[in-house]
Amino acid sequence: FTISRDNAENTVYLQMNSLKPEDTAVYYCAASRGVTITTMRLTT
């Protein structure tokens, strides 16, 4: 997978290649001003 952003278009992308059945899910994007490297994996 590759994440990228286009600030001119206000859009973030997720390119997903070599997909596997275990990738099946609902995918959500989220925005934060306060995450750090240690907290970015936390939904809260």
Full PDB file with SEQRES, HELIX, SHEET, SSBOND, CRYST1, ORIGX, SCALE, CONECT and MASTER records, all heavy atoms in Angstrom:
SEQRES   1 A   44  PHE THR ILE SER ARG ASP ASN ALA GLU ASN THR VAL TYR          
SEQRES   2 A   44  LEU GLN MET ASN SER LEU LYS PRO GLU ASP THR ALA VAL          
SEQRES   3 A   44  TYR TYR CYS ALA ALA SER ARG GLY VAL THR ILE THR THR          
SEQRES   4 A   44  MET ARG LEU THR THR                                          
HELIX    1 AA1 PRO A   21  ASP A   23  5                                   3    
SHEET    1 AA1 2 THR A   2  ASP A   6  0                                        
SHEET    2 AA1 2 THR A  11  GLN A  15 -1                                        
CRYST1    1.000    1.000    1.000  90.00  90.00  90.00 P 1           1          
ORIGX1      1.000000  0.000000  0.000000        0.00000                         
ORIGX2      0.000000  1.000000  0.000000        0.00000                         
ORIGX3      0.000000  0.000000  1.000000        0.00000                         
SCALE1      1.000000  0.000000  0.000000        0.00000                         
SCALE2      0.000000  1.000000  0.000000        0.00000                         
SCALE3      0.000000  0.000000  1.000000        0.00000                         
ATOM      1  N   PHE A   1       0.845  -1.201   0.000  1.00  0.00           N  
ATOM      2  CA  PHE A   1       0.000   0.000   0.000  1.00  0.00           C  
ATOM      3  C   PHE A   1       0.879   1.249   0.000  1.00  0.00           C  
ATOM      4  O   PHE A   1       1.979   1.248   0.579  1.00  0.00           O  
ATOM      5  CB  PHE A   1      -0.878   0.035   1.251  1.00  0.00           C  
ATOM      6  CG  PHE A   1      -1.966  -0.996   1.303  1.00  0.00           C  
ATOM      7  CD1 PHE A   1      -2.034  -2.051   0.409  1.00  0.00           C  
ATOM      8  CD2 PHE A   1      -2.958  -0.912   2.277  1.00  0.00           C  
ATOM      9  CE1 PHE A   1      -3.046  -3.009   0.470  1.00  0.00           C  
ATOM     10  CE2 PHE A   1      -3.979  -1.843   2.345  1.00  0.00           C  
ATOM     11  CZ  PHE A   1      -4.013  -2.891   1.453  1.00  0.00           C  
ATOM     12  N   THR A   2       0.369   2.304  -0.617  1.00  0.00           N  
ATOM     13  CA  THR A   2       1.061   3.594  -0.624  1.00  0.00           C  
ATOM     14  C   THR A   2       0.075   4.695  -0.301  1.00  0.00           C  
ATOM     15  O   THR A   2      -0.954   4.827  -0.979  1.00  0.00           O  
ATOM     16  CB  THR A   2       1.708   3.875  -1.982  1.00  0.00           C  
ATOM     17  OG1 THR A   2       2.625   2.821  -2.307  1.00  0.00           O  
ATOM     18  CG2 THR A   2       2.468   5.192  -1.950  1.00  0.00           C  
ATOM     19  N   ILE A   3       0.388   5.479   0.711  1.00  0.00           N  
ATOM     20  CA  ILE A   3      -0.436   6.639   1.060  1.00  0.00           C  
ATOM     21  C   ILE A   3       0.222   7.884   0.473  1.00  0.00           C  
ATOM     22  O   ILE A   3       1.454   8.012   0.464  1.00  0.00           O  
ATOM     23  CB  ILE A   3      -0.606   6.763   2.594  1.00  0.00           C  
ATOM     24  CG1 ILE A   3      -1.618   7.840   2.940  1.00  0.00           C  
ATOM     25  CG2 ILE A   3       0.737   7.006   3.284  1.00  0.00           C  
ATOM     26  CD1 ILE A   3      -1.997   7.893   4.422  1.00  0.00           C  
ATOM     27  N   SER A   4      -0.610   8.780  -0.025  1.00  0.00           N  
ATOM     28  CA  SER A   4      -0.096  10.037  -0.565  1.00  0.00           C  
ATOM     29  C   SER A   4      -1.149  11.114  -0.373  1.00  0.00           C  
ATOM     30  O   SER A   4      -2.312  10.809  -0.079  1.00  0.00           O  
ATOM     31  CB  SER A   4       0.258   9.892  -2.052  1.00  0.00           C  
ATOM     32  OG  SER A   4      -0.881   9.554  -2.811  1.00  0.00           O  
ATOM     33  N   ARG A   5      -0.740  12.361  -0.552  1.00  0.00           N  
ATOM     34  CA  ARG A   5      -1.679  13.453  -0.407  1.00  0.00           C  
ATOM     35  C   ARG A   5      -1.448  14.500  -1.484  1.00  0.00           C  
ATOM     36  O   ARG A   5      -0.312  14.685  -1.945  1.00  0.00           O  
ATOM     37  CB  ARG A   5      -1.568  14.071   0.990  1.00  0.00           C  
ATOM     38  CG  ARG A   5      -0.264  14.764   1.295  1.00  0.00           C  
ATOM     39  CD  ARG A   5      -0.200  15.159   2.783  1.00  0.00           C  
ATOM     40  NE  ARG A   5      -1.291  16.046   3.144  1.00  0.00           N  
ATOM     41  CZ  ARG A   5      -1.754  16.222   4.391  1.00  0.00           C  
ATOM     42  NH1 ARG A   5      -1.196  15.551   5.387  1.00  0.00           N  
ATOM     43  NH2 ARG A   5      -2.735  17.050   4.631  1.00  0.00           N  
ATOM     44  N   ASP A   6      -2.520  15.153  -1.868  1.00  0.00           N  
ATOM     45  CA  ASP A   6      -2.482  16.259  -2.821  1.00  0.00           C  
ATOM     46  C   ASP A   6      -3.163  17.437  -2.133  1.00  0.00           C  
ATOM     47  O   ASP A   6      -4.389  17.511  -2.101  1.00  0.00           O  
ATOM     48  CB  ASP A   6      -3.196  15.854  -4.112  1.00  0.00           C  
ATOM     49  CG  ASP A   6      -3.113  16.932  -5.181  1.00  0.00           C  
ATOM     50  OD1 ASP A   6      -2.875  18.110  -4.836  1.00  0.00           O  
ATOM     51  OD2 ASP A   6      -3.316  16.611  -6.358  1.00  0.00           O  
ATOM     52  N   ASN A   7      -2.370  18.328  -1.609  1.00  0.00           N  
ATOM     53  CA  ASN A   7      -2.941  19.439  -0.847  1.00  0.00           C  
ATOM     54  C   ASN A   7      -3.706  20.416  -1.738  1.00  0.00           C  
ATOM     55  O   ASN A   7      -4.631  21.084  -1.273  1.00  0.00           O  
ATOM     56  CB  ASN A   7      -1.850  20.165  -0.068  1.00  0.00           C  
ATOM     57  CG  ASN A   7      -1.289  19.328   1.056  1.00  0.00           C  
ATOM     58  OD1 ASN A   7      -1.958  18.443   1.594  1.00  0.00           O  
ATOM     59  ND2 ASN A   7      -0.041  19.592   1.418  1.00  0.00           N  
ATOM     60  N   ALA A   8      -3.324  20.514  -2.985  1.00  0.00           N  
ATOM     61  CA  ALA A   8      -4.051  21.399  -3.897  1.00  0.00           C  
ATOM     62  C   ALA A   8      -5.470  20.903  -4.125  1.00  0.00           C  
ATOM     63  O   ALA A   8      -6.380  21.695  -4.374  1.00  0.00           O  
ATOM     64  CB  ALA A   8      -3.313  21.504  -5.222  1.00  0.00           C  
ATOM     65  N   GLU A   9      -5.647  19.578  -4.033  1.00  0.00           N  
ATOM     66  CA  GLU A   9      -6.967  18.972  -4.239  1.00  0.00           C  
ATOM     67  C   GLU A   9      -7.636  18.601  -2.922  1.00  0.00           C  
ATOM     68  O   GLU A   9      -8.734  18.041  -2.929  1.00  0.00           O  
ATOM     69  CB  GLU A   9      -6.827  17.720  -5.113  1.00  0.00           C  
ATOM     70  CG  GLU A   9      -6.316  17.998  -6.515  1.00  0.00           C  
ATOM     71  CD  GLU A   9      -7.316  18.798  -7.333  1.00  0.00           C  
ATOM     72  OE1 GLU A   9      -8.543  18.649  -7.103  1.00  0.00           O  
ATOM     73  OE2 GLU A   9      -6.872  19.580  -8.194  1.00  0.00           O  
ATOM     74  N   ASN A  10      -6.979  18.897  -1.798  1.00  0.00           N  
ATOM     75  CA  ASN A  10      -7.537  18.518  -0.481  1.00  0.00           C  
ATOM     76  C   ASN A  10      -7.890  17.031  -0.430  1.00  0.00           C  
ATOM     77  O   ASN A  10      -8.964  16.652   0.059  1.00  0.00           O  
ATOM     78  CB  ASN A  10      -8.773  19.356  -0.145  1.00  0.00           C  
ATOM     79  CG  ASN A  10      -8.421  20.683   0.486  1.00  0.00           C  
ATOM     80  OD1 ASN A  10      -7.296  21.155   0.375  1.00  0.00           O  
ATOM     81  ND2 ASN A  10      -9.386  21.300   1.149  1.00  0.00           N  
ATOM     82  N   THR A  11      -7.000  16.206  -0.925  1.00  0.00           N  
ATOM     83  CA  THR A  11      -7.309  14.788  -1.036  1.00  0.00           C  
ATOM     84  C   THR A  11      -6.125  13.938  -0.570  1.00  0.00           C  
ATOM     85  O   THR A  11      -4.968  14.291  -0.840  1.00  0.00           O  
ATOM     86  CB  THR A  11      -7.663  14.416  -2.487  1.00  0.00           C  
ATOM     87  OG1 THR A  11      -8.781  15.201  -2.909  1.00  0.00           O  
ATOM     88  CG2 THR A  11      -8.036  12.942  -2.604  1.00  0.00           C  
ATOM     89  N   VAL A  12      -6.441  12.861   0.097  1.00  0.00           N  
ATOM     90  CA  VAL A  12      -5.445  11.865   0.459  1.00  0.00           C  
ATOM     91  C   VAL A  12      -5.830  10.553  -0.218  1.00  0.00           C  
ATOM     92  O   VAL A  12      -7.021  10.250  -0.363  1.00  0.00           O  
ATOM     93  CB  VAL A  12      -5.324  11.705   1.989  1.00  0.00           C  
ATOM     94  CG1 VAL A  12      -6.610  11.227   2.619  1.00  0.00           C  
ATOM     95  CG2 VAL A  12      -4.166  10.790   2.350  1.00  0.00           C  
ATOM     96  N   TYR A  13      -4.832   9.820  -0.655  1.00  0.00           N  
ATOM     97  CA  TYR A  13      -5.060   8.596  -1.414  1.00  0.00           C  
ATOM     98  C   TYR A  13      -4.446   7.394  -0.691  1.00  0.00           C  
ATOM     99  O   TYR A  13      -3.500   7.526   0.077  1.00  0.00           O  
ATOM    100  CB  TYR A  13      -4.421   8.700  -2.800  1.00  0.00           C  
ATOM    101  CG  TYR A  13      -4.933   9.837  -3.619  1.00  0.00           C  
ATOM    102  CD1 TYR A  13      -4.232  11.036  -3.702  1.00  0.00           C  
ATOM    103  CD2 TYR A  13      -6.135   9.730  -4.330  1.00  0.00           C  
ATOM    104  CE1 TYR A  13      -4.691  12.095  -4.452  1.00  0.00           C  
ATOM    105  CE2 TYR A  13      -6.606  10.790  -5.091  1.00  0.00           C  
ATOM    106  CZ  TYR A  13      -5.883  11.964  -5.144  1.00  0.00           C  
ATOM    107  OH  TYR A  13      -6.355  13.007  -5.891  1.00  0.00           O  
ATOM    108  N   LEU A  14      -5.002   6.238  -0.999  1.00  0.00           N  
ATOM    109  CA  LEU A  14      -4.401   4.989  -0.559  1.00  0.00           C  
ATOM    110  C   LEU A  14      -4.391   4.048  -1.758  1.00  0.00           C  
ATOM    111  O   LEU A  14      -5.443   3.544  -2.164  1.00  0.00           O  
ATOM    112  CB  LEU A  14      -5.165   4.362   0.610  1.00  0.00           C  
ATOM    113  CG  LEU A  14      -4.515   3.114   1.212  1.00  0.00           C  
ATOM    114  CD1 LEU A  14      -3.220   3.499   1.928  1.00  0.00           C  
ATOM    115  CD2 LEU A  14      -5.456   2.399   2.175  1.00  0.00           C  
ATOM    116  N   GLN A  15      -3.215   3.876  -2.346  1.00  0.00           N  
ATOM    117  CA  GLN A  15      -3.052   2.933  -3.435  1.00  0.00           C  
ATOM    118  C   GLN A  15      -2.791   1.556  -2.852  1.00  0.00           C  
ATOM    119  O   GLN A  15      -1.832   1.371  -2.105  1.00  0.00           O  
ATOM    120  CB  GLN A  15      -1.886   3.358  -4.335  1.00  0.00           C  
ATOM    121  CG  GLN A  15      -1.597   2.393  -5.469  1.00  0.00           C  
ATOM    122  CD  GLN A  15      -2.718   2.347  -6.494  1.00  0.00           C  
ATOM    123  OE1 GLN A  15      -3.244   3.390  -6.894  1.00  0.00           O  
ATOM    124  NE2 GLN A  15      -3.081   1.143  -6.934  1.00  0.00           N  
ATOM    125  N   MET A  16      -3.634   0.601  -3.204  1.00  0.00           N  
ATOM    126  CA  MET A  16      -3.537  -0.735  -2.640  1.00  0.00           C  
ATOM    127  C   MET A  16      -3.258  -1.729  -3.752  1.00  0.00           C  
ATOM    128  O   MET A  16      -4.078  -1.899  -4.661  1.00  0.00           O  
ATOM    129  CB  MET A  16      -4.835  -1.100  -1.918  1.00  0.00           C  
ATOM    130  CG  MET A  16      -5.252  -0.082  -0.865  1.00  0.00           C  
ATOM    131  SD  MET A  16      -6.678  -0.591   0.103  1.00  0.00           S  
ATOM    132  CE  MET A  16      -7.935  -0.633  -1.165  1.00  0.00           C  
ATOM    133  N   ASN A  17      -2.107  -2.362  -3.696  1.00  0.00           N  
ATOM    134  CA  ASN A  17      -1.707  -3.352  -4.687  1.00  0.00           C  
ATOM    135  C   ASN A  17      -1.570  -4.721  -4.036  1.00  0.00           C  
ATOM    136  O   ASN A  17      -1.496  -4.835  -2.807  1.00  0.00           O  
ATOM    137  CB  ASN A  17      -0.372  -2.937  -5.314  1.00  0.00           C  
ATOM    138  CG  ASN A  17      -0.445  -1.624  -6.049  1.00  0.00           C  
ATOM    139  OD1 ASN A  17      -1.476  -1.248  -6.600  1.00  0.00           O  
ATOM    140  ND2 ASN A  17       0.665  -0.894  -6.051  1.00  0.00           N  
ATOM    141  N   SER A  18      -1.521  -5.746  -4.854  1.00  0.00           N  
ATOM    142  CA  SER A  18      -1.362  -7.124  -4.367  1.00  0.00           C  
ATOM    143  C   SER A  18      -2.342  -7.422  -3.241  1.00  0.00           C  
ATOM    144  O   SER A  18      -1.971  -7.953  -2.186  1.00  0.00           O  
ATOM    145  CB  SER A  18       0.081  -7.344  -3.902  1.00  0.00           C  
ATOM    146  OG  SER A  18       0.994  -7.094  -4.935  1.00  0.00           O  
ATOM    147  N   LEU A  19      -3.583  -7.085  -3.469  1.00  0.00           N  
ATOM    148  CA  LEU A  19      -4.593  -7.243  -2.422  1.00  0.00           C  
ATOM    149  C   LEU A  19      -4.813  -8.700  -2.064  1.00  0.00           C  
ATOM    150  O   LEU A  19      -4.730  -9.603  -2.922  1.00  0.00           O  
ATOM    151  CB  LEU A  19      -5.897  -6.590  -2.856  1.00  0.00           C  
ATOM    152  CG  LEU A  19      -5.899  -5.064  -2.734  1.00  0.00           C  
ATOM    153  CD1 LEU A  19      -6.994  -4.457  -3.589  1.00  0.00           C  
ATOM    154  CD2 LEU A  19      -6.061  -4.645  -1.280  1.00  0.00           C  
ATOM    155  N   LYS A  20      -5.105  -8.921  -0.792  1.00  0.00           N  
ATOM    156  CA  LYS A  20      -5.342 -10.258  -0.254  1.00  0.00           C  
ATOM    157  C   LYS A  20      -6.742 -10.313   0.349  1.00  0.00           C  
ATOM    158  O   LYS A  20      -7.282  -9.269   0.765  1.00  0.00           O  
ATOM    159  CB  LYS A  20      -4.320 -10.559   0.836  1.00  0.00           C  
ATOM    160  CG  LYS A  20      -2.866 -10.417   0.411  1.00  0.00           C  
ATOM    161  CD  LYS A  20      -1.942 -10.616   1.593  1.00  0.00           C  
ATOM    162  CE  LYS A  20      -0.479 -10.440   1.191  1.00  0.00           C  
ATOM    163  NZ  LYS A  20       0.428 -10.622   2.350  1.00  0.00           N  
ATOM    164  N   PRO A  21      -7.328 -11.486   0.454  1.00  0.00           N  
ATOM    165  CA  PRO A  21      -8.661 -11.589   1.085  1.00  0.00           C  
ATOM    166  C   PRO A  21      -8.689 -10.986   2.489  1.00  0.00           C  
ATOM    167  O   PRO A  21      -9.714 -10.423   2.889  1.00  0.00           O  
ATOM    168  CB  PRO A  21      -8.905 -13.097   1.105  1.00  0.00           C  
ATOM    169  CG  PRO A  21      -8.155 -13.610  -0.076  1.00  0.00           C  
ATOM    170  CD  PRO A  21      -6.903 -12.766  -0.131  1.00  0.00           C  
ATOM    171  N   GLU A  22      -7.594 -11.066   3.214  1.00  0.00           N  
ATOM    172  CA  GLU A  22      -7.558 -10.513   4.566  1.00  0.00           C  
ATOM    173  C   GLU A  22      -7.533  -8.986   4.582  1.00  0.00           C  
ATOM    174  O   GLU A  22      -7.616  -8.379   5.657  1.00  0.00           O  
ATOM    175  CB  GLU A  22      -6.363 -11.061   5.365  1.00  0.00           C  
ATOM    176  CG  GLU A  22      -5.035 -10.958   4.648  1.00  0.00           C  
ATOM    177  CD  GLU A  22      -4.648 -12.251   3.936  1.00  0.00           C  
ATOM    178  OE1 GLU A  22      -5.523 -12.850   3.270  1.00  0.00           O  
ATOM    179  OE2 GLU A  22      -3.458 -12.632   4.049  1.00  0.00           O  
ATOM    180  N   ASP A  23      -7.431  -8.352   3.423  1.00  0.00           N  
ATOM    181  CA  ASP A  23      -7.550  -6.895   3.349  1.00  0.00           C  
ATOM    182  C   ASP A  23      -9.017  -6.447   3.296  1.00  0.00           C  
ATOM    183  O   ASP A  23      -9.293  -5.251   3.346  1.00  0.00           O  
ATOM    184  CB  ASP A  23      -6.835  -6.358   2.107  1.00  0.00           C  
ATOM    185  CG  ASP A  23      -5.332  -6.567   2.159  1.00  0.00           C  
ATOM    186  OD1 ASP A  23      -4.740  -6.363   3.246  1.00  0.00           O  
ATOM    187  OD2 ASP A  23      -4.751  -6.934   1.120  1.00  0.00           O  
ATOM    188  N   THR A  24      -9.925  -7.386   3.209  1.00  0.00           N  
ATOM    189  CA  THR A  24     -11.348  -7.070   3.167  1.00  0.00           C  
ATOM    190  C   THR A  24     -11.772  -6.366   4.449  1.00  0.00           C  
ATOM    191  O   THR A  24     -11.546  -6.869   5.558  1.00  0.00           O  
ATOM    192  CB  THR A  24     -12.175  -8.349   2.979  1.00  0.00           C  
ATOM    193  OG1 THR A  24     -11.882  -8.913   1.696  1.00  0.00           O  
ATOM    194  CG2 THR A  24     -13.659  -8.050   3.081  1.00  0.00           C  
ATOM    195  N   ALA A  25     -12.363  -5.183   4.291  1.00  0.00           N  
ATOM    196  CA  ALA A  25     -12.773  -4.376   5.443  1.00  0.00           C  
ATOM    197  C   ALA A  25     -13.448  -3.108   4.942  1.00  0.00           C  
ATOM    198  O   ALA A  25     -13.410  -2.809   3.739  1.00  0.00           O  
ATOM    199  CB  ALA A  25     -11.562  -4.003   6.302  1.00  0.00           C  
ATOM    200  N   VAL A  26     -14.023  -2.368   5.863  1.00  0.00           N  
ATOM    201  CA  VAL A  26     -14.424  -0.995   5.582  1.00  0.00           C  
ATOM    202  C   VAL A  26     -13.216  -0.115   5.886  1.00  0.00           C  
ATOM    203  O   VAL A  26     -12.630  -0.215   6.973  1.00  0.00           O  
ATOM    204  CB  VAL A  26     -15.634  -0.570   6.429  1.00  0.00           C  
ATOM    205  CG1 VAL A  26     -15.980   0.893   6.160  1.00  0.00           C  
ATOM    206  CG2 VAL A  26     -16.828  -1.469   6.144  1.00  0.00           C  
ATOM    207  N   TYR A  27     -12.860   0.722   4.937  1.00  0.00           N  
ATOM    208  CA  TYR A  27     -11.693   1.590   5.079  1.00  0.00           C  
ATOM    209  C   TYR A  27     -12.157   3.009   5.387  1.00  0.00           C  
ATOM    210  O   TYR A  27     -13.039   3.547   4.706  1.00  0.00           O  
ATOM    211  CB  TYR A  27     -10.862   1.569   3.800  1.00  0.00           C  
ATOM    212  CG  TYR A  27     -10.024   0.316   3.681  1.00  0.00           C  
ATOM    213  CD1 TYR A  27     -10.619  -0.914   3.439  1.00  0.00           C  
ATOM    214  CD2 TYR A  27      -8.647   0.356   3.841  1.00  0.00           C  
ATOM    215  CE1 TYR A  27      -9.856  -2.078   3.364  1.00  0.00           C  
ATOM    216  CE2 TYR A  27      -7.865  -0.793   3.753  1.00  0.00           C  
ATOM    217  CZ  TYR A  27      -8.485  -2.008   3.521  1.00  0.00           C  
ATOM    218  OH  TYR A  27      -7.733  -3.164   3.445  1.00  0.00           O  
ATOM    219  N   TYR A  28     -11.520   3.595   6.397  1.00  0.00           N  
ATOM    220  CA  TYR A  28     -11.855   4.939   6.847  1.00  0.00           C  
ATOM    221  C   TYR A  28     -10.639   5.842   6.743  1.00  0.00           C  
ATOM    222  O   TYR A  28      -9.524   5.418   7.068  1.00  0.00           O  
ATOM    223  CB  TYR A  28     -12.294   4.922   8.307  1.00  0.00           C  
ATOM    224  CG  TYR A  28     -13.511   4.092   8.613  1.00  0.00           C  
ATOM    225  CD1 TYR A  28     -13.400   2.742   8.925  1.00  0.00           C  
ATOM    226  CD2 TYR A  28     -14.781   4.667   8.595  1.00  0.00           C  
ATOM    227  CE1 TYR A  28     -14.515   1.972   9.212  1.00  0.00           C  
ATOM    228  CE2 TYR A  28     -15.902   3.907   8.879  1.00  0.00           C  
ATOM    229  CZ  TYR A  28     -15.764   2.563   9.188  1.00  0.00           C  
ATOM    230  OH  TYR A  28     -16.876   1.816   9.476  1.00  0.00           O  
ATOM    231  N   CYS A  29     -10.867   7.087   6.351  1.00  0.00           N  
ATOM    232  CA  CYS A  29      -9.791   8.067   6.501  1.00  0.00           C  
ATOM    233  C   CYS A  29     -10.111   8.946   7.704  1.00  0.00           C  
ATOM    234  O   CYS A  29     -11.273   9.072   8.121  1.00  0.00           O  
ATOM    235  CB  CYS A  29      -9.590   8.892   5.247  1.00  0.00           C  
ATOM    236  SG  CYS A  29     -10.896  10.065   4.870  1.00  0.00           S  
ATOM    237  N   ALA A  30      -9.065   9.517   8.251  1.00  0.00           N  
ATOM    238  CA  ALA A  30      -9.196  10.319   9.462  1.00  0.00           C  
ATOM    239  C   ALA A  30      -8.167  11.433   9.452  1.00  0.00           C  
ATOM    240  O   ALA A  30      -7.097  11.295   8.844  1.00  0.00           O  
ATOM    241  CB  ALA A  30      -9.016   9.442  10.697  1.00  0.00           C  
ATOM    242  N   ALA A  31      -8.497  12.520  10.131  1.00  0.00           N  
ATOM    243  CA  ALA A  31      -7.630  13.695  10.169  1.00  0.00           C  
ATOM    244  C   ALA A  31      -7.300  14.065  11.598  1.00  0.00           C  
ATOM    245  O   ALA A  31      -8.151  13.983  12.488  1.00  0.00           O  
ATOM    246  CB  ALA A  31      -8.312  14.873   9.468  1.00  0.00           C  
ATOM    247  N   SER A  32      -6.060  14.489  11.793  1.00  0.00           N  
ATOM    248  CA  SER A  32      -5.640  14.883  13.127  1.00  0.00           C  
ATOM    249  C   SER A  32      -4.552  15.944  13.036  1.00  0.00           C  
ATOM    250  O   SER A  32      -3.690  15.884  12.158  1.00  0.00           O  
ATOM    251  CB  SER A  32      -5.111  13.683  13.906  1.00  0.00           C  
ATOM    252  OG  SER A  32      -4.568  14.097  15.144  1.00  0.00           O  
ATOM    253  N   ARG A  33      -4.573  16.862  13.995  1.00  0.00           N  
ATOM    254  CA  ARG A  33      -3.475  17.824  14.127  1.00  0.00           C  
ATOM    255  C   ARG A  33      -2.540  17.436  15.255  1.00  0.00           C  
ATOM    256  O   ARG A  33      -1.508  18.064  15.426  1.00  0.00           O  
ATOM    257  CB  ARG A  33      -4.028  19.220  14.388  1.00  0.00           C  
ATOM    258  CG  ARG A  33      -4.440  19.950  13.149  1.00  0.00           C  
ATOM    259  CD  ARG A  33      -4.927  21.329  13.479  1.00  0.00           C  
ATOM    260  NE  ARG A  33      -5.076  22.140  12.284  1.00  0.00           N  
ATOM    261  CZ  ARG A  33      -5.797  23.222  12.208  1.00  0.00           C  
ATOM    262  NH1 ARG A  33      -6.459  23.633  13.268  1.00  0.00           N  
ATOM    263  NH2 ARG A  33      -5.878  23.922  11.101  1.00  0.00           N  
ATOM    264  N   GLY A  34      -2.909  16.410  16.020  1.00  0.00           N  
ATOM    265  CA  GLY A  34      -2.156  16.170  17.244  1.00  0.00           C  
ATOM    266  C   GLY A  34      -1.397  14.867  17.313  1.00  0.00           C  
ATOM    267  O   GLY A  34      -0.807  14.564  18.341  1.00  0.00           O  
ATOM    268  N   VAL A  35      -1.399  14.079  16.232  1.00  0.00           N  
ATOM    269  CA  VAL A  35      -0.727  12.783  16.348  1.00  0.00           C  
ATOM    270  C   VAL A  35       0.784  12.940  16.253  1.00  0.00           C  
ATOM    271  O   VAL A  35       1.297  13.878  15.656  1.00  0.00           O  
ATOM    272  CB  VAL A  35      -1.207  11.783  15.277  1.00  0.00           C  
ATOM    273  CG1 VAL A  35      -2.656  11.421  15.507  1.00  0.00           C  
ATOM    274  CG2 VAL A  35      -0.953  12.295  13.882  1.00  0.00           C  
ATOM    275  N   THR A  36       1.468  11.985  16.837  1.00  0.00           N  
ATOM    276  CA  THR A  36       2.921  11.890  16.736  1.00  0.00           C  
ATOM    277  C   THR A  36       3.259  10.513  16.188  1.00  0.00           C  
ATOM    278  O   THR A  36       2.363   9.686  15.970  1.00  0.00           O  
ATOM    279  CB  THR A  36       3.575  12.067  18.111  1.00  0.00           C  
ATOM    280  OG1 THR A  36       3.170  10.960  18.950  1.00  0.00           O  
ATOM    281  CG2 THR A  36       3.144  13.368  18.762  1.00  0.00           C  
ATOM    282  N   ILE A  37       4.531  10.255  16.022  1.00  0.00           N  
ATOM    283  CA  ILE A  37       4.938   8.946  15.518  1.00  0.00           C  
ATOM    284  C   ILE A  37       4.465   7.845  16.456  1.00  0.00           C  
ATOM    285  O   ILE A  37       4.104   6.749  16.037  1.00  0.00           O  
ATOM    286  CB  ILE A  37       6.463   8.902  15.341  1.00  0.00           C  
ATOM    287  CG1 ILE A  37       6.883   9.825  14.210  1.00  0.00           C  
ATOM    288  CG2 ILE A  37       6.931   7.475  15.061  1.00  0.00           C  
ATOM    289  CD1 ILE A  37       8.378   9.940  14.019  1.00  0.00           C  
ATOM    290  N   THR A  38       4.447   8.135  17.747  1.00  0.00           N  
ATOM    291  CA  THR A  38       4.068   7.109  18.719  1.00  0.00           C  
ATOM    292  C   THR A  38       2.568   6.961  18.887  1.00  0.00           C  
ATOM    293  O   THR A  38       2.115   5.976  19.460  1.00  0.00           O  
ATOM    294  CB  THR A  38       4.703   7.397  20.084  1.00  0.00           C  
ATOM    295  OG1 THR A  38       4.304   8.698  20.506  1.00  0.00           O  
ATOM    296  CG2 THR A  38       6.225   7.326  20.003  1.00  0.00           C  
ATOM    297  N   THR A  39       1.788   7.940  18.429  1.00  0.00           N  
ATOM    298  CA  THR A  39       0.341   7.869  18.653  1.00  0.00           C  
ATOM    299  C   THR A  39      -0.465   7.740  17.380  1.00  0.00           C  
ATOM    300  O   THR A  39      -1.679   7.592  17.447  1.00  0.00           O  
ATOM    301  CB  THR A  39      -0.144   9.117  19.413  1.00  0.00           C  
ATOM    302  OG1 THR A  39       0.052  10.282  18.595  1.00  0.00           O  
ATOM    303  CG2 THR A  39       0.581   9.281  20.732  1.00  0.00           C  
ATOM    304  N   MET A  40       0.149   7.751  16.237  1.00  0.00           N  
ATOM    305  CA  MET A  40      -0.609   7.788  14.994  1.00  0.00           C  
ATOM    306  C   MET A  40      -1.430   6.541  14.762  1.00  0.00           C  
ATOM    307  O   MET A  40      -2.330   6.546  13.937  1.00  0.00           O  
ATOM    308  CB  MET A  40       0.326   8.017  13.809  1.00  0.00           C  
ATOM    309  CG  MET A  40       1.307   6.892  13.551  1.00  0.00           C  
ATOM    310  SD  MET A  40       2.279   7.159  12.072  1.00  0.00           S  
ATOM    311  CE  MET A  40       3.072   8.707  12.457  1.00  0.00           C  
ATOM    312  N   ARG A  41      -1.119   5.445  15.434  1.00  0.00           N  
ATOM    313  CA  ARG A  41      -1.875   4.207  15.259  1.00  0.00           C  
ATOM    314  C   ARG A  41      -3.124   4.140  16.136  1.00  0.00           C  
ATOM    315  O   ARG A  41      -3.881   3.179  16.070  1.00  0.00           O  
ATOM    316  CB  ARG A  41      -0.974   3.004  15.559  1.00  0.00           C  
ATOM    317  CG  ARG A  41       0.099   2.788  14.495  1.00  0.00           C  
ATOM    318  CD  ARG A  41       1.148   1.800  14.913  1.00  0.00           C  
ATOM    319  NE  ARG A  41       2.033   1.423  13.822  1.00  0.00           N  
ATOM    320  CZ  ARG A  41       3.020   2.168  13.350  1.00  0.00           C  
ATOM    321  NH1 ARG A  41       3.268   3.330  13.902  1.00  0.00           N  
ATOM    322  NH2 ARG A  41       3.771   1.753  12.339  1.00  0.00           N  
ATOM    323  N   LEU A  42      -3.343   5.155  16.947  1.00  0.00           N  
ATOM    324  CA  LEU A  42      -4.459   5.152  17.888  1.00  0.00           C  
ATOM    325  C   LEU A  42      -5.650   5.915  17.308  1.00  0.00           C  
ATOM    326  O   LEU A  42      -5.544   7.092  16.970  1.00  0.00           O  
ATOM    327  CB  LEU A  42      -4.032   5.805  19.202  1.00  0.00           C  
ATOM    328  CG  LEU A  42      -2.830   5.166  19.897  1.00  0.00           C  
ATOM    329  CD1 LEU A  42      -2.468   5.958  21.151  1.00  0.00           C  
ATOM    330  CD2 LEU A  42      -3.110   3.715  20.242  1.00  0.00           C  
ATOM    331  N   THR A  43      -6.788   5.257  17.247  1.00  0.00           N  
ATOM    332  CA  THR A  43      -7.984   5.900  16.690  1.00  0.00           C  
ATOM    333  C   THR A  43      -8.402   7.114  17.518  1.00  0.00           C  
ATOM    334  O   THR A  43      -8.948   8.073  16.979  1.00  0.00           O  
ATOM    335  CB  THR A  43      -9.150   4.913  16.620  1.00  0.00           C  
ATOM    336  OG1 THR A  43      -9.431   4.419  17.942  1.00  0.00           O  
ATOM    337  CG2 THR A  43      -8.830   3.733  15.714  1.00  0.00           C  
ATOM    338  N   THR A  44      -8.131   7.074  18.801  1.00  0.00           N  
ATOM    339  CA  THR A  44      -8.565   8.168  19.684  1.00  0.00           C  
ATOM    340  C   THR A  44      -7.821   9.467  19.442  1.00  0.00           C  
ATOM    341  O   THR A  44      -8.241  10.516  19.929  1.00  0.00           O  
ATOM    342  CB  THR A  44      -8.390   7.754  21.155  1.00  0.00           C  
ATOM    343  OG1 THR A  44      -7.020   7.352  21.358  1.00  0.00           O  
ATOM    344  CG2 THR A  44      -9.322   6.618  21.518  1.00  0.00           C  
TER     345      THR A  44                                                      
MASTER        0    0    0    1    2    0    0    6  344    1    0    4          
END                                                                             
